[in-house]
Amino acid sequence: MFVRLKTLHPNQRTYQYVHIVENRWDQGEVRQRLVASLGRLDQLQASGDLRQVIEGLVAQGRTSGLWDEVTRPPLSDLSGAPRNPQSVH
């Protein structure tokens, strides 16, 4: 599973929606299934809900063993600011 930002342009405005998507194989082809739509990115950021969702996903990754300490970025890097790939430990 992964998080996708979907950009839509209704009424000459631009909105980005946050989706959780799953990849799976079906008859020799990769199919994507929308698992959850979390809402508009700007609203999630303004309310602080986006950070809660990210922290929940990180916690789930820890308990399931999907991520190890080497590949998981620190939560401080989730601000959206560019980061130096050399600095991730």
N, C-alpha and C. Protein backbone atom coordinates (compact mmCIF):
# COMPACT_ATOMS: atom_id res chain seq x y z
N MET A 1 0.84 -1.18 0.00
CA MET A 1 0.00 0.00 0.00
C MET A 1 0.88 1.24 0.00
N PHE A 2 0.31 2.31 -0.50
CA PHE A 2 1.03 3.56 -0.54
C PHE A 2 0.04 4.72 -0.52
N VAL A 3 0.56 5.91 -0.28
CA VAL A 3 -0.26 7.12 -0.25
C VAL A 3 -0.10 7.82 -1.59
N ARG A 4 -1.23 8.20 -2.17
CA ARG A 4 -1.23 8.91 -3.45
C ARG A 4 -1.89 10.26 -3.26
N LEU A 5 -1.31 11.29 -3.88
CA LEU A 5 -1.96 12.59 -3.95
C LEU A 5 -2.62 12.70 -5.31
N LYS A 6 -3.92 12.88 -5.31
CA LYS A 6 -4.69 12.99 -6.55
C LYS A 6 -5.09 14.44 -6.73
N THR A 7 -4.71 15.04 -7.86
CA THR A 7 -5.00 16.44 -8.12
C THR A 7 -6.23 16.55 -9.02
N LEU A 8 -7.19 17.36 -8.58
CA LEU A 8 -8.40 17.62 -9.36
C LEU A 8 -8.53 19.13 -9.57
N HIS A 9 -9.21 19.51 -10.66
CA HIS A 9 -9.36 20.92 -11.02
C HIS A 9 -10.82 21.28 -11.23
N PRO A 10 -11.67 21.19 -10.20
CA PRO A 10 -13.07 21.59 -10.38
C PRO A 10 -13.21 23.11 -10.34
N ASN A 11 -14.06 23.65 -11.16
CA ASN A 11 -14.38 25.09 -11.14
C ASN A 11 -13.14 25.97 -11.17
N GLN A 12 -12.16 25.61 -11.97
CA GLN A 12 -10.93 26.38 -12.16
C GLN A 12 -10.14 26.55 -10.86
N ARG A 13 -10.30 25.63 -9.91
CA ARG A 13 -9.50 25.59 -8.68
C ARG A 13 -8.73 24.28 -8.69
N THR A 14 -7.67 24.24 -7.91
CA THR A 14 -6.87 23.02 -7.82
C THR A 14 -6.93 22.48 -6.40
N TYR A 15 -7.31 21.22 -6.27
CA TYR A 15 -7.35 20.55 -4.98
C TYR A 15 -6.55 19.25 -5.07
N GLN A 16 -5.88 18.93 -3.98
CA GLN A 16 -5.18 17.65 -3.90
C GLN A 16 -5.86 16.81 -2.81
N TYR A 17 -6.17 15.58 -3.17
CA TYR A 17 -6.80 14.65 -2.24
C TYR A 17 -5.80 13.55 -1.87
N VAL A 18 -5.85 13.12 -0.62
CA VAL A 18 -4.95 12.09 -0.12
C VAL A 18 -5.68 10.76 -0.13
N HIS A 19 -5.11 9.79 -0.84
CA HIS A 19 -5.69 8.45 -0.94
C HIS A 19 -4.69 7.39 -0.48
N ILE A 20 -5.20 6.34 0.11
CA ILE A 20 -4.39 5.15 0.37
C ILE A 20 -4.77 4.14 -0.69
N VAL A 21 -3.76 3.63 -1.40
CA VAL A 21 -3.98 2.76 -2.56
C VAL A 21 -3.22 1.46 -2.36
N GLU A 22 -3.81 0.39 -2.85
CA GLU A 22 -3.19 -0.95 -2.76
C GLU A 22 -2.92 -1.47 -4.17
N ASN A 23 -1.75 -2.03 -4.37
CA ASN A 23 -1.41 -2.71 -5.63
C ASN A 23 -1.63 -4.20 -5.44
N ARG A 24 -2.15 -4.86 -6.46
CA ARG A 24 -2.28 -6.32 -6.43
C ARG A 24 -2.23 -6.84 -7.86
N TRP A 25 -1.84 -8.10 -7.97
CA TRP A 25 -1.79 -8.75 -9.27
C TRP A 25 -3.14 -9.38 -9.57
N ASP A 26 -3.64 -9.20 -10.80
CA ASP A 26 -4.89 -9.80 -11.23
C ASP A 26 -4.72 -10.24 -12.68
N GLN A 27 -4.70 -11.55 -12.89
CA GLN A 27 -4.55 -12.14 -14.22
C GLN A 27 -3.32 -11.59 -14.95
N GLY A 28 -2.20 -11.55 -14.23
CA GLY A 28 -0.93 -11.15 -14.82
C GLY A 28 -0.72 -9.66 -14.96
N GLU A 29 -1.64 -8.85 -14.45
CA GLU A 29 -1.50 -7.40 -14.54
C GLU A 29 -1.63 -6.80 -13.14
N VAL A 30 -0.97 -5.67 -12.94
CA VAL A 30 -1.08 -4.96 -11.67
C VAL A 30 -2.36 -4.13 -11.69
N ARG A 31 -3.14 -4.28 -10.65
CA ARG A 31 -4.37 -3.50 -10.48
C ARG A 31 -4.21 -2.66 -9.22
N GLN A 32 -4.76 -1.47 -9.26
CA GLN A 32 -4.72 -0.62 -8.08
C GLN A 32 -6.14 -0.47 -7.54
N ARG A 33 -6.23 -0.54 -6.21
CA ARG A 33 -7.53 -0.43 -5.56
C ARG A 33 -7.45 0.70 -4.53
N LEU A 34 -8.42 1.58 -4.57
CA LEU A 34 -8.50 2.65 -3.59
C LEU A 34 -8.97 2.05 -2.27
N VAL A 35 -8.12 2.11 -1.25
CA VAL A 35 -8.43 1.56 0.07
C VAL A 35 -9.19 2.60 0.89
N ALA A 36 -8.71 3.85 0.85
CA ALA A 36 -9.36 4.91 1.62
C ALA A 36 -9.06 6.27 1.00
N SER A 37 -10.04 7.14 1.04
CA SER A 37 -9.85 8.54 0.68
C SER A 37 -9.86 9.33 1.98
N LEU A 38 -8.75 10.00 2.28
CA LEU A 38 -8.61 10.68 3.56
C LEU A 38 -9.07 12.12 3.54
N GLY A 39 -9.31 12.68 2.35
CA GLY A 39 -9.80 14.04 2.26
C GLY A 39 -8.83 14.95 1.53
N ARG A 40 -9.17 16.24 1.55
CA ARG A 40 -8.33 17.23 0.87
C ARG A 40 -7.07 17.50 1.68
N LEU A 41 -5.94 17.58 0.98
CA LEU A 41 -4.65 17.79 1.62
C LEU A 41 -4.62 19.09 2.42
N ASP A 42 -5.12 20.18 1.85
CA ASP A 42 -5.06 21.46 2.56
C ASP A 42 -5.86 21.43 3.86
N GLN A 43 -7.01 20.77 3.86
CA GLN A 43 -7.83 20.68 5.07
C GLN A 43 -7.19 19.76 6.11
N LEU A 44 -6.58 18.67 5.66
CA LEU A 44 -5.90 17.77 6.60
C LEU A 44 -4.71 18.47 7.25
N GLN A 45 -3.97 19.26 6.47
CA GLN A 45 -2.83 19.98 7.03
C GLN A 45 -3.28 21.05 8.02
N ALA A 46 -4.32 21.79 7.68
CA ALA A 46 -4.81 22.88 8.54
C ALA A 46 -5.33 22.36 9.87
N SER A 47 -5.97 21.20 9.86
CA SER A 47 -6.56 20.66 11.09
C SER A 47 -5.58 19.86 11.93
N GLY A 48 -4.42 19.52 11.34
CA GLY A 48 -3.46 18.68 12.04
C GLY A 48 -3.75 17.20 11.88
N ASP A 49 -4.82 16.86 11.17
CA ASP A 49 -5.19 15.45 10.98
C ASP A 49 -4.17 14.71 10.12
N LEU A 50 -3.52 15.39 9.18
CA LEU A 50 -2.55 14.72 8.32
C LEU A 50 -1.41 14.15 9.15
N ARG A 51 -0.92 14.91 10.10
CA ARG A 51 0.16 14.43 10.96
C ARG A 51 -0.30 13.21 11.75
N GLN A 52 -1.54 13.22 12.24
CA GLN A 52 -2.06 12.07 12.99
C GLN A 52 -2.14 10.84 12.11
N VAL A 53 -2.56 11.00 10.87
CA VAL A 53 -2.63 9.88 9.94
C VAL A 53 -1.24 9.32 9.69
N ILE A 54 -0.27 10.21 9.45
CA ILE A 54 1.10 9.77 9.19
C ILE A 54 1.67 9.05 10.40
N GLU A 55 1.46 9.60 11.59
CA GLU A 55 1.96 8.95 12.80
C GLU A 55 1.32 7.58 12.99
N GLY A 56 0.03 7.45 12.67
CA GLY A 56 -0.64 6.16 12.76
C GLY A 56 -0.07 5.14 11.79
N LEU A 57 0.22 5.59 10.57
CA LEU A 57 0.82 4.69 9.58
C LEU A 57 2.22 4.26 10.01
N VAL A 58 2.99 5.20 10.56
CA VAL A 58 4.33 4.87 11.04
C VAL A 58 4.24 3.85 12.17
N ALA A 59 3.33 4.07 13.12
CA ALA A 59 3.17 3.14 14.24
C ALA A 59 2.76 1.76 13.74
N GLN A 60 1.87 1.70 12.77
CA GLN A 60 1.45 0.41 12.21
C GLN A 60 2.62 -0.28 11.53
N GLY A 61 3.45 0.49 10.83
CA GLY A 61 4.64 -0.08 10.17
C GLY A 61 5.61 -0.66 11.19
N ARG A 62 5.75 0.01 12.32
CA ARG A 62 6.64 -0.49 13.36
C ARG A 62 6.14 -1.82 13.92
N THR A 63 4.86 -1.88 14.26
CA THR A 63 4.33 -3.09 14.90
C THR A 63 4.25 -4.26 13.93
N SER A 64 4.09 -3.97 12.64
CA SER A 64 4.00 -5.05 11.66
C SER A 64 5.36 -5.49 11.15
N GLY A 65 6.42 -4.72 11.46
CA GLY A 65 7.76 -5.06 11.01
C GLY A 65 8.02 -4.71 9.55
N LEU A 66 7.17 -3.88 8.95
CA LEU A 66 7.34 -3.54 7.55
C LEU A 66 8.51 -2.60 7.31
N TRP A 67 8.80 -1.76 8.28
CA TRP A 67 9.88 -0.78 8.13
C TRP A 67 10.98 -1.10 9.11
N ASP A 68 12.19 -0.82 8.70
CA ASP A 68 13.29 -0.93 9.64
C ASP A 68 13.85 0.47 9.91
N GLU A 69 14.74 0.57 10.85
CA GLU A 69 15.27 1.88 11.25
C GLU A 69 16.03 2.57 10.14
N VAL A 70 16.56 1.83 9.18
CA VAL A 70 17.38 2.44 8.12
C VAL A 70 16.52 3.16 7.11
N THR A 71 15.35 2.62 6.74
CA THR A 71 14.57 3.19 5.65
C THR A 71 13.48 4.13 6.11
N ARG A 72 13.12 4.14 7.37
CA ARG A 72 12.02 4.98 7.84
C ARG A 72 12.53 6.40 8.12
N PRO A 73 11.93 7.42 7.47
CA PRO A 73 12.36 8.78 7.75
C PRO A 73 11.85 9.22 9.11
N PRO A 74 12.60 10.06 9.82
CA PRO A 74 12.10 10.58 11.09
C PRO A 74 10.88 11.46 10.85
N LEU A 75 9.96 11.52 11.81
CA LEU A 75 8.75 12.32 11.65
C LEU A 75 9.06 13.79 11.42
N SER A 76 10.19 14.25 11.90
CA SER A 76 10.56 15.65 11.69
C SER A 76 10.77 15.95 10.21
N ASP A 77 11.01 14.92 9.39
CA ASP A 77 11.21 15.12 7.95
C ASP A 77 9.90 15.15 7.18
N LEU A 78 8.76 15.04 7.83
CA LEU A 78 7.48 14.96 7.14
C LEU A 78 6.83 16.33 6.95
N SER A 79 7.59 17.38 7.11
CA SER A 79 7.06 18.74 6.97
C SER A 79 6.82 19.12 5.52
N GLY A 80 7.34 18.35 4.60
CA GLY A 80 7.21 18.68 3.19
C GLY A 80 8.42 19.42 2.66
N ALA A 81 9.31 19.83 3.55
CA ALA A 81 10.52 20.52 3.10
C ALA A 81 11.47 19.51 2.49
N PRO A 82 12.20 19.91 1.43
CA PRO A 82 13.17 18.98 0.83
C PRO A 82 14.22 18.58 1.87
N ARG A 83 14.65 17.35 1.79
CA ARG A 83 15.68 16.89 2.73
C ARG A 83 16.82 16.28 1.98
N ASN A 84 17.95 16.25 2.63
CA ASN A 84 19.16 15.69 2.05
C ASN A 84 19.10 14.17 2.21
N PRO A 85 19.09 13.38 1.11
CA PRO A 85 19.01 11.92 1.24
C PRO A 85 20.17 11.34 2.01
N GLN A 86 21.30 12.03 2.07
CA GLN A 86 22.47 11.55 2.80
C GLN A 86 22.24 11.60 4.31
N SER A 87 21.26 12.44 4.75
CA SER A 87 21.08 12.65 6.19
C SER A 87 20.14 11.62 6.84
N VAL A 88 19.47 10.77 6.05
CA VAL A 88 18.57 9.77 6.59
C VAL A 88 19.40 8.60 7.11
N HIS A 89 19.21 8.24 8.37
CA HIS A 89 19.98 7.14 8.97
C HIS A 89 19.08 5.98 9.23
